[in-house]
Amino acid sequence: MSEKLNLLVLERCDPSRNLSRFYVLRIEPSLFGIPTLVREWGRIGRRGRQRIEFHSTEDSATEALETWLRRKQRRGYRVRDP
């Protein structure tokens, strides 16, 4: 991916299995300017969980975001339309 990704919202819905989940990936600076990858996930309509990963450069945070994107797409998540 050539352009920089800063925010992705993924969804996975399967009404036959009562499955309705979201996954949010975003890159943002920490309080001290350190690039972080913030991951949030859970059921749509509920409060989810959150994990923050610190990275040395914005490029490494972008690589981590792209890695998580590929993992989630293999599991059936699709990028939500704006």
PDB file of N, CA and C in Angstrom:
ATOM      1  N   MET A   1       0.843  -1.175   0.000  1.00  0.00           N
ATOM      2  CA  MET A   1       0.000   0.000   0.000  1.00  0.00           C
ATOM      3  C   MET A   1       0.887   1.236   0.000  1.00  0.00           C
ATOM      4  N   SER A   2       0.667   2.102  -0.960  1.00  0.00           N
ATOM      5  CA  SER A   2       1.548   3.239  -1.103  1.00  0.00           C
ATOM      6  C   SER A   2       1.143   4.417  -0.218  1.00  0.00           C
ATOM      7  N   GLU A   3      -0.158   4.705  -0.132  1.00  0.00           N
ATOM      8  CA  GLU A   3      -0.579   5.838   0.683  1.00  0.00           C
ATOM      9  C   GLU A   3      -0.565   5.458   2.160  1.00  0.00           C
ATOM     10  N   LYS A   4      -0.408   6.481   2.998  1.00  0.00           N
ATOM     11  CA  LYS A   4      -0.374   6.251   4.446  1.00  0.00           C
ATOM     12  C   LYS A   4      -1.780   6.022   4.971  1.00  0.00           C
ATOM     13  N   LEU A   5      -1.943   4.988   5.758  1.00  0.00           N
ATOM     14  CA  LEU A   5      -3.224   4.692   6.383  1.00  0.00           C
ATOM     15  C   LEU A   5      -3.169   5.168   7.823  1.00  0.00           C
ATOM     16  N   ASN A   6      -4.167   5.916   8.233  1.00  0.00           N
ATOM     17  CA  ASN A   6      -4.198   6.384   9.612  1.00  0.00           C
ATOM     18  C   ASN A   6      -5.407   5.862  10.372  1.00  0.00           C
ATOM     19  N   LEU A   7      -6.477   5.480   9.673  1.00  0.00           N
ATOM     20  CA  LEU A   7      -7.678   4.981  10.338  1.00  0.00           C
ATOM     21  C   LEU A   7      -8.374   3.979   9.438  1.00  0.00           C
ATOM     22  N   LEU A   8      -8.676   2.824   9.984  1.00  0.00           N
ATOM     23  CA  LEU A   8      -9.439   1.800   9.271  1.00  0.00           C
ATOM     24  C   LEU A   8     -10.511   1.256  10.206  1.00  0.00           C
ATOM     25  N   VAL A   9     -11.718   1.116   9.683  1.00  0.00           N
ATOM     26  CA  VAL A   9     -12.811   0.503  10.429  1.00  0.00           C
ATOM     27  C   VAL A   9     -13.214  -0.751   9.664  1.00  0.00           C
ATOM     28  N   LEU A  10     -13.128  -1.889  10.326  1.00  0.00           N
ATOM     29  CA  LEU A  10     -13.459  -3.175   9.726  1.00  0.00           C
ATOM     30  C   LEU A  10     -14.693  -3.751  10.406  1.00  0.00           C
ATOM     31  N   GLU A  11     -15.491  -4.486   9.638  1.00  0.00           N
ATOM     32  CA  GLU A  11     -16.680  -5.135  10.197  1.00  0.00           C
ATOM     33  C   GLU A  11     -16.759  -6.566   9.695  1.00  0.00           C
ATOM     34  N   ARG A  12     -17.369  -7.391  10.510  1.00  0.00           N
ATOM     35  CA  ARG A  12     -17.640  -8.780  10.143  1.00  0.00           C
ATOM     36  C   ARG A  12     -19.043  -9.102  10.623  1.00  0.00           C
ATOM     37  N   CYS A  13     -19.952  -9.343   9.686  1.00  0.00           N
ATOM     38  CA  CYS A  13     -21.352  -9.604  10.025  1.00  0.00           C
ATOM     39  C   CYS A  13     -21.809 -10.894   9.355  1.00  0.00           C
ATOM     40  N   ASP A  14     -22.454 -11.747  10.126  1.00  0.00           N
ATOM     41  CA  ASP A  14     -23.061 -12.975   9.617  1.00  0.00           C
ATOM     42  C   ASP A  14     -24.328 -13.220  10.432  1.00  0.00           C
ATOM     43  N   PRO A  15     -25.493 -12.750   9.933  1.00  0.00           N
ATOM     44  CA  PRO A  15     -26.738 -12.887  10.695  1.00  0.00           C
ATOM     45  C   PRO A  15     -27.118 -14.333  11.018  1.00  0.00           C
ATOM     46  N   SER A  16     -26.745 -15.275  10.159  1.00  0.00           N
ATOM     47  CA  SER A  16     -27.105 -16.671  10.418  1.00  0.00           C
ATOM     48  C   SER A  16     -26.388 -17.225  11.648  1.00  0.00           C
ATOM     49  N   ARG A  17     -25.235 -16.663  12.001  1.00  0.00           N
ATOM     50  CA  ARG A  17     -24.482 -17.091  13.187  1.00  0.00           C
ATOM     51  C   ARG A  17     -24.573 -16.082  14.327  1.00  0.00           C
ATOM     52  N   ASN A  18     -25.434 -15.056  14.157  1.00  0.00           N
ATOM     53  CA  ASN A  18     -25.573 -13.983  15.150  1.00  0.00           C
ATOM     54  C   ASN A  18     -24.210 -13.341  15.437  1.00  0.00           C
ATOM     55  N   LEU A  19     -23.476 -13.077  14.356  1.00  0.00           N
ATOM     56  CA  LEU A  19     -22.126 -12.539  14.445  1.00  0.00           C
ATOM     57  C   LEU A  19     -22.128 -11.107  13.919  1.00  0.00           C
ATOM     58  N   SER A  20     -21.710 -10.178  14.739  1.00  0.00           N
ATOM     59  CA  SER A  20     -21.687  -8.768  14.372  1.00  0.00           C
ATOM     60  C   SER A  20     -20.538  -8.107  15.142  1.00  0.00           C
ATOM     61  N   ARG A  21     -19.381  -7.993  14.488  1.00  0.00           N
ATOM     62  CA  ARG A  21     -18.179  -7.513  15.172  1.00  0.00           C
ATOM     63  C   ARG A  21     -17.524  -6.365  14.426  1.00  0.00           C
ATOM     64  N   PHE A  22     -16.741  -5.574  15.163  1.00  0.00           N
ATOM     65  CA  PHE A  22     -15.986  -4.474  14.558  1.00  0.00           C
ATOM     66  C   PHE A  22     -14.534  -4.562  14.993  1.00  0.00           C
ATOM     67  N   TYR A  23     -13.680  -3.924  14.210  1.00  0.00           N
ATOM     68  CA  TYR A  23     -12.260  -3.829  14.514  1.00  0.00           C
ATOM     69  C   TYR A  23     -11.784  -2.494  13.974  1.00  0.00           C
ATOM     70  N   VAL A  24     -11.202  -1.660  14.816  1.00  0.00           N
ATOM     71  CA  VAL A  24     -10.720  -0.340  14.413  1.00  0.00           C
ATOM     72  C   VAL A  24      -9.209  -0.301  14.591  1.00  0.00           C
ATOM     73  N   LEU A  25      -8.524   0.157  13.559  1.00  0.00           N
ATOM     74  CA  LEU A  25      -7.069   0.333  13.594  1.00  0.00           C
ATOM     75  C   LEU A  25      -6.774   1.793  13.294  1.00  0.00           C
ATOM     76  N   ARG A  26      -5.998   2.442  14.149  1.00  0.00           N
ATOM     77  CA  ARG A  26      -5.636   3.828  13.864  1.00  0.00           C
ATOM     78  C   ARG A  26      -4.237   4.132  14.395  1.00  0.00           C
ATOM     79  N   ILE A  27      -3.570   5.039  13.697  1.00  0.00           N
ATOM     80  CA  ILE A  27      -2.247   5.499  14.097  1.00  0.00           C
ATOM     81  C   ILE A  27      -2.396   6.918  14.610  1.00  0.00           C
ATOM     82  N   GLU A  28      -1.866   7.151  15.794  1.00  0.00           N
ATOM     83  CA  GLU A  28      -1.920   8.496  16.374  1.00  0.00           C
ATOM     84  C   GLU A  28      -0.708   8.687  17.279  1.00  0.00           C
ATOM     85  N   PRO A  29      -0.310   9.932  17.482  1.00  0.00           N
ATOM     86  CA  PRO A  29       0.839  10.180  18.364  1.00  0.00           C
ATOM     87  C   PRO A  29       0.421  10.066  19.829  1.00  0.00           C
ATOM     88  N   SER A  30       1.363   9.627  20.650  1.00  0.00           N
ATOM     89  CA  SER A  30       1.114   9.592  22.090  1.00  0.00           C
ATOM     90  C   SER A  30       1.301  11.003  22.652  1.00  0.00           C
ATOM     91  N   LEU A  31       1.134  11.135  23.935  1.00  0.00           N
ATOM     92  CA  LEU A  31       1.310  12.427  24.592  1.00  0.00           C
ATOM     93  C   LEU A  31       2.708  13.000  24.360  1.00  0.00           C
ATOM     94  N   PHE A  32       3.688  12.120  24.210  1.00  0.00           N
ATOM     95  CA  PHE A  32       5.071  12.548  24.020  1.00  0.00           C
ATOM     96  C   PHE A  32       5.510  12.502  22.567  1.00  0.00           C
ATOM     97  N   GLY A  33       4.560  12.317  21.639  1.00  0.00           N
ATOM     98  CA  GLY A  33       4.865  12.328  20.220  1.00  0.00           C
ATOM     99  C   GLY A  33       5.325  11.002  19.647  1.00  0.00           C
ATOM    100  N   ILE A  34       5.264   9.942  20.430  1.00  0.00           N
ATOM    101  CA  ILE A  34       5.670   8.621  19.955  1.00  0.00           C
ATOM    102  C   ILE A  34       4.534   8.038  19.111  1.00  0.00           C
ATOM    103  N   PRO A  35       4.830   7.528  17.895  1.00  0.00           N
ATOM    104  CA  PRO A  35       3.770   6.932  17.076  1.00  0.00           C
ATOM    105  C   PRO A  35       3.204   5.680  17.747  1.00  0.00           C
ATOM    106  N   THR A  36       1.879   5.590  17.792  1.00  0.00           N
ATOM    107  CA  THR A  36       1.226   4.426  18.383  1.00  0.00           C
ATOM    108  C   THR A  36       0.198   3.857  17.416  1.00  0.00           C
ATOM    109  N   LEU A  37       0.017   2.552  17.505  1.00  0.00           N
ATOM    110  CA  LEU A  37      -1.055   1.879  16.789  1.00  0.00           C
ATOM    111  C   LEU A  37      -2.101   1.521  17.834  1.00  0.00           C
ATOM    112  N   VAL A  38      -3.297   2.059  17.677  1.00  0.00           N
ATOM    113  CA  VAL A  38      -4.387   1.795  18.607  1.00  0.00           C
ATOM    114  C   VAL A  38      -5.329   0.809  17.930  1.00  0.00           C
ATOM    115  N   ARG A  39      -5.600  -0.307  18.625  1.00  0.00           N
ATOM    116  CA  ARG A  39      -6.520  -1.324  18.111  1.00  0.00           C
ATOM    117  C   ARG A  39      -7.710  -1.415  19.046  1.00  0.00           C
ATOM    118  N   GLU A  40      -8.909  -1.376  18.478  1.00  0.00           N
ATOM    119  CA  GLU A  40     -10.139  -1.549  19.253  1.00  0.00           C
ATOM    120  C   GLU A  40     -10.964  -2.625  18.575  1.00  0.00           C
ATOM    121  N   TRP A  41     -11.629  -3.469  19.383  1.00  0.00           N
ATOM    122  CA  TRP A  41     -12.451  -4.521  18.803  1.00  0.00           C
ATOM    123  C   TRP A  41     -13.566  -4.906  19.758  1.00  0.00           C
ATOM    124  N   GLY A  42     -14.589  -5.540  19.200  1.00  0.00           N
ATOM    125  CA  GLY A  42     -15.708  -6.008  20.011  1.00  0.00           C
ATOM    126  C   GLY A  42     -16.957  -6.218  19.174  1.00  0.00           C
ATOM    127  N   ARG A  43     -18.092  -6.393  19.860  1.00  0.00           N
ATOM    128  CA  ARG A  43     -19.376  -6.550  19.180  1.00  0.00           C
ATOM    129  C   ARG A  43     -19.917  -5.182  18.794  1.00  0.00           C
ATOM    130  N   ILE A  44     -20.524  -5.099  17.624  1.00  0.00           N
ATOM    131  CA  ILE A  44     -21.134  -3.845  17.190  1.00  0.00           C
ATOM    132  C   ILE A  44     -22.261  -3.509  18.151  1.00  0.00           C
ATOM    133  N   GLY A  45     -22.301  -2.273  18.612  1.00  0.00           N
ATOM    134  CA  GLY A  45     -23.315  -1.828  19.555  1.00  0.00           C
ATOM    135  C   GLY A  45     -22.911  -1.958  21.005  1.00  0.00           C
ATOM    136  N   ARG A  46     -21.750  -2.532  21.258  1.00  0.00           N
ATOM    137  CA  ARG A  46     -21.234  -2.696  22.621  1.00  0.00           C
ATOM    138  C   ARG A  46     -19.897  -1.990  22.749  1.00  0.00           C
ATOM    139  N   ARG A  47     -19.507  -1.773  23.973  1.00  0.00           N
ATOM    140  CA  ARG A  47     -18.191  -1.209  24.232  1.00  0.00           C
ATOM    141  C   ARG A  47     -17.145  -2.294  23.993  1.00  0.00           C
ATOM    142  N   GLY A  48     -16.107  -1.937  23.265  1.00  0.00           N
ATOM    143  CA  GLY A  48     -15.090  -2.928  22.927  1.00  0.00           C
ATOM    144  C   GLY A  48     -13.872  -2.852  23.823  1.00  0.00           C
ATOM    145  N   ARG A  49     -12.872  -3.603  23.434  1.00  0.00           N
ATOM    146  CA  ARG A  49     -11.590  -3.594  24.134  1.00  0.00           C
ATOM    147  C   ARG A  49     -10.606  -2.760  23.333  1.00  0.00           C
ATOM    148  N   GLN A  50      -9.526  -2.353  23.985  1.00  0.00           N
ATOM    149  CA  GLN A  50      -8.545  -1.504  23.326  1.00  0.00           C
ATOM    150  C   GLN A  50      -7.139  -1.929  23.718  1.00  0.00           C
ATOM    151  N   ARG A  51      -6.240  -1.869  22.745  1.00  0.00           N
ATOM    152  CA  ARG A  51      -4.823  -2.173  22.980  1.00  0.00           C
ATOM    153  C   ARG A  51      -3.997  -1.120  22.260  1.00  0.00           C
ATOM    154  N   ILE A  52      -2.950  -0.631  22.896  1.00  0.00           N
ATOM    155  CA  ILE A  52      -2.081   0.392  22.314  1.00  0.00           C
ATOM    156  C   ILE A  52      -0.681  -0.188  22.174  1.00  0.00           C
ATOM    157  N   GLU A  53      -0.124  -0.061  20.960  1.00  0.00           N
ATOM    158  CA  GLU A  53       1.235  -0.522  20.684  1.00  0.00           C
ATOM    159  C   GLU A  53       2.100   0.693  20.357  1.00  0.00           C
ATOM    160  N   PHE A  54       3.242   0.822  21.017  1.00  0.00           N
ATOM    161  CA  PHE A  54       4.167   1.921  20.755  1.00  0.00           C
ATOM    162  C   PHE A  54       5.182   1.480  19.705  1.00  0.00           C
ATOM    163  N   HIS A  55       5.521   2.384  18.781  1.00  0.00           N
ATOM    164  CA  HIS A  55       6.480   2.087  17.719  1.00  0.00           C
ATOM    165  C   HIS A  55       7.528   3.187  17.666  1.00  0.00           C
ATOM    166  N   SER A  56       8.691   2.847  17.150  1.00  0.00           N
ATOM    167  CA  SER A  56       9.789   3.821  17.100  1.00  0.00           C
ATOM    168  C   SER A  56       9.591   4.843  15.988  1.00  0.00           C
ATOM    169  N   THR A  57       8.981   4.442  14.878  1.00  0.00           N
ATOM    170  CA  THR A  57       8.736   5.369  13.768  1.00  0.00           C
ATOM    171  C   THR A  57       7.306   5.194  13.273  1.00  0.00           C
ATOM    172  N   GLU A  58       6.839   6.200  12.533  1.00  0.00           N
ATOM    173  CA  GLU A  58       5.497   6.102  11.960  1.00  0.00           C
ATOM    174  C   GLU A  58       5.441   5.020  10.883  1.00  0.00           C
ATOM    175  N   ASP A  59       6.554   4.799  10.195  1.00  0.00           N
ATOM    176  CA  ASP A  59       6.593   3.742   9.178  1.00  0.00           C
ATOM    177  C   ASP A  59       6.408   2.362   9.797  1.00  0.00           C
ATOM    178  N   SER A  60       7.010   2.119  10.951  1.00  0.00           N
ATOM    179  CA  SER A  60       6.838   0.810  11.598  1.00  0.00           C
ATOM    180  C   SER A  60       5.410   0.663  12.115  1.00  0.00           C
ATOM    181  N   ALA A  61       4.788   1.744  12.560  1.00  0.00           N
ATOM    182  CA  ALA A  61       3.387   1.692  12.986  1.00  0.00           C
ATOM    183  C   ALA A  61       2.483   1.397  11.788  1.00  0.00           C
ATOM    184  N   THR A  62       2.802   1.989  10.632  1.00  0.00           N
ATOM    185  CA  THR A  62       2.027   1.732   9.415  1.00  0.00           C
ATOM    186  C   THR A  62       2.173   0.281   8.971  1.00  0.00           C
ATOM    187  N   GLU A  63       3.376  -0.265   9.076  1.00  0.00           N
ATOM    188  CA  GLU A  63       3.601  -1.680   8.740  1.00  0.00           C
ATOM    189  C   GLU A  63       2.780  -2.584   9.650  1.00  0.00           C
ATOM    190  N   ALA A  64       2.746  -2.263  10.938  1.00  0.00           N
ATOM    191  CA  ALA A  64       1.956  -3.054  11.887  1.00  0.00           C
ATOM    192  C   ALA A  64       0.474  -2.960  11.559  1.00  0.00           C
ATOM    193  N   LEU A  65      -0.001  -1.769  11.187  1.00  0.00           N
ATOM    194  CA  LEU A  65      -1.402  -1.599  10.806  1.00  0.00           C
ATOM    195  C   LEU A  65      -1.725  -2.458   9.597  1.00  0.00           C
ATOM    196  N   GLU A  66      -0.860  -2.448   8.594  1.00  0.00           N
ATOM    197  CA  GLU A  66      -1.092  -3.250   7.391  1.00  0.00           C
ATOM    198  C   GLU A  66      -1.065  -4.743   7.697  1.00  0.00           C
ATOM    199  N   THR A  67      -0.210  -5.163   8.618  1.00  0.00           N
ATOM    200  CA  THR A  67      -0.163  -6.571   9.021  1.00  0.00           C
ATOM    201  C   THR A  67      -1.473  -6.981   9.688  1.00  0.00           C
ATOM    202  N   TRP A  68      -1.974  -6.145  10.607  1.00  0.00           N
ATOM    203  CA  TRP A  68      -3.251  -6.449  11.264  1.00  0.00           C
ATOM    204  C   TRP A  68      -4.393  -6.447  10.260  1.00  0.00           C
ATOM    205  N   LEU A  69      -4.345  -5.543   9.280  1.00  0.00           N
ATOM    206  CA  LEU A  69      -5.378  -5.494   8.249  1.00  0.00           C
ATOM    207  C   LEU A  69      -5.423  -6.807   7.477  1.00  0.00           C
ATOM    208  N   ARG A  70      -4.278  -7.299   7.048  1.00  0.00           N
ATOM    209  CA  ARG A  70      -4.230  -8.576   6.318  1.00  0.00           C
ATOM    210  C   ARG A  70      -4.741  -9.728   7.178  1.00  0.00           C
ATOM    211  N   ARG A  71      -4.355  -9.759   8.452  1.00  0.00           N
ATOM    212  CA  ARG A  71      -4.826 -10.819   9.355  1.00  0.00           C
ATOM    213  C   ARG A  71      -6.341 -10.813   9.471  1.00  0.00           C
ATOM    214  N   LYS A  72      -6.897  -9.630   9.674  1.00  0.00           N
ATOM    215  CA  LYS A  72      -8.349  -9.522   9.870  1.00  0.00           C
ATOM    216  C   LYS A  72      -9.109  -9.817   8.589  1.00  0.00           C
ATOM    217  N   GLN A  73      -8.556  -9.440   7.441  1.00  0.00           N
ATOM    218  CA  GLN A  73      -9.226  -9.749   6.184  1.00  0.00           C
ATOM    219  C   GLN A  73      -9.254 -11.260   5.940  1.00  0.00           C
ATOM    220  N   ARG A  74      -8.214 -11.969   6.338  1.00  0.00           N
ATOM    221  CA  ARG A  74      -8.226 -13.433   6.224  1.00  0.00           C
ATOM    222  C   ARG A  74      -9.299 -14.058   7.100  1.00  0.00           C
ATOM    223  N   ARG A  75      -9.644 -13.386   8.213  1.00  0.00           N
ATOM    224  CA  ARG A  75     -10.671 -13.896   9.131  1.00  0.00           C
ATOM    225  C   ARG A  75     -12.088 -13.500   8.711  1.00  0.00           C
ATOM    226  N   GLY A  76     -12.222 -12.740   7.603  1.00  0.00           N
ATOM    227  CA  GLY A  76     -13.542 -12.395   7.108  1.00  0.00           C
ATOM    228  C   GLY A  76     -13.979 -10.969   7.359  1.00  0.00           C
ATOM    229  N   TYR A  77     -13.126 -10.148   7.944  1.00  0.00           N
ATOM    230  CA  TYR A  77     -13.465  -8.737   8.157  1.00  0.00           C
ATOM    231  C   TYR A  77     -13.352  -7.976   6.856  1.00  0.00           C
ATOM    232  N   ARG A  78     -14.236  -7.013   6.643  1.00  0.00           N
ATOM    233  CA  ARG A  78     -14.221  -6.171   5.455  1.00  0.00           C
ATOM    234  C   ARG A  78     -14.150  -4.709   5.883  1.00  0.00           C
ATOM    235  N   VAL A  79     -13.466  -3.891   5.089  1.00  0.00           N
ATOM    236  CA  VAL A  79     -13.360  -2.459   5.375  1.00  0.00           C
ATOM    237  C   VAL A  79     -14.748  -1.851   5.197  1.00  0.00           C
ATOM    238  N   ARG A  80     -15.193  -1.096   6.207  1.00  0.00           N
ATOM    239  CA  ARG A  80     -16.506  -0.465   6.147  1.00  0.00           C
ATOM    240  C   ARG A  80     -16.463   0.724   5.206  1.00  0.00           C
ATOM    241  N   ASP A  81     -17.501   0.868   4.403  1.00  0.00           N
ATOM    242  CA  ASP A  81     -17.622   2.008   3.498  1.00  0.00           C
ATOM    243  C   ASP A  81     -17.887   3.274   4.299  1.00  0.00           C
ATOM    244  N   PRO A  82     -17.303   4.403   3.851  1.00  0.00           N
ATOM    245  CA  PRO A  82     -17.507   5.658   4.592  1.00  0.00           C
ATOM    246  C   PRO A  82     -18.935   6.167   4.532  1.00  0.00           C
TER     247      PRO A  82
END
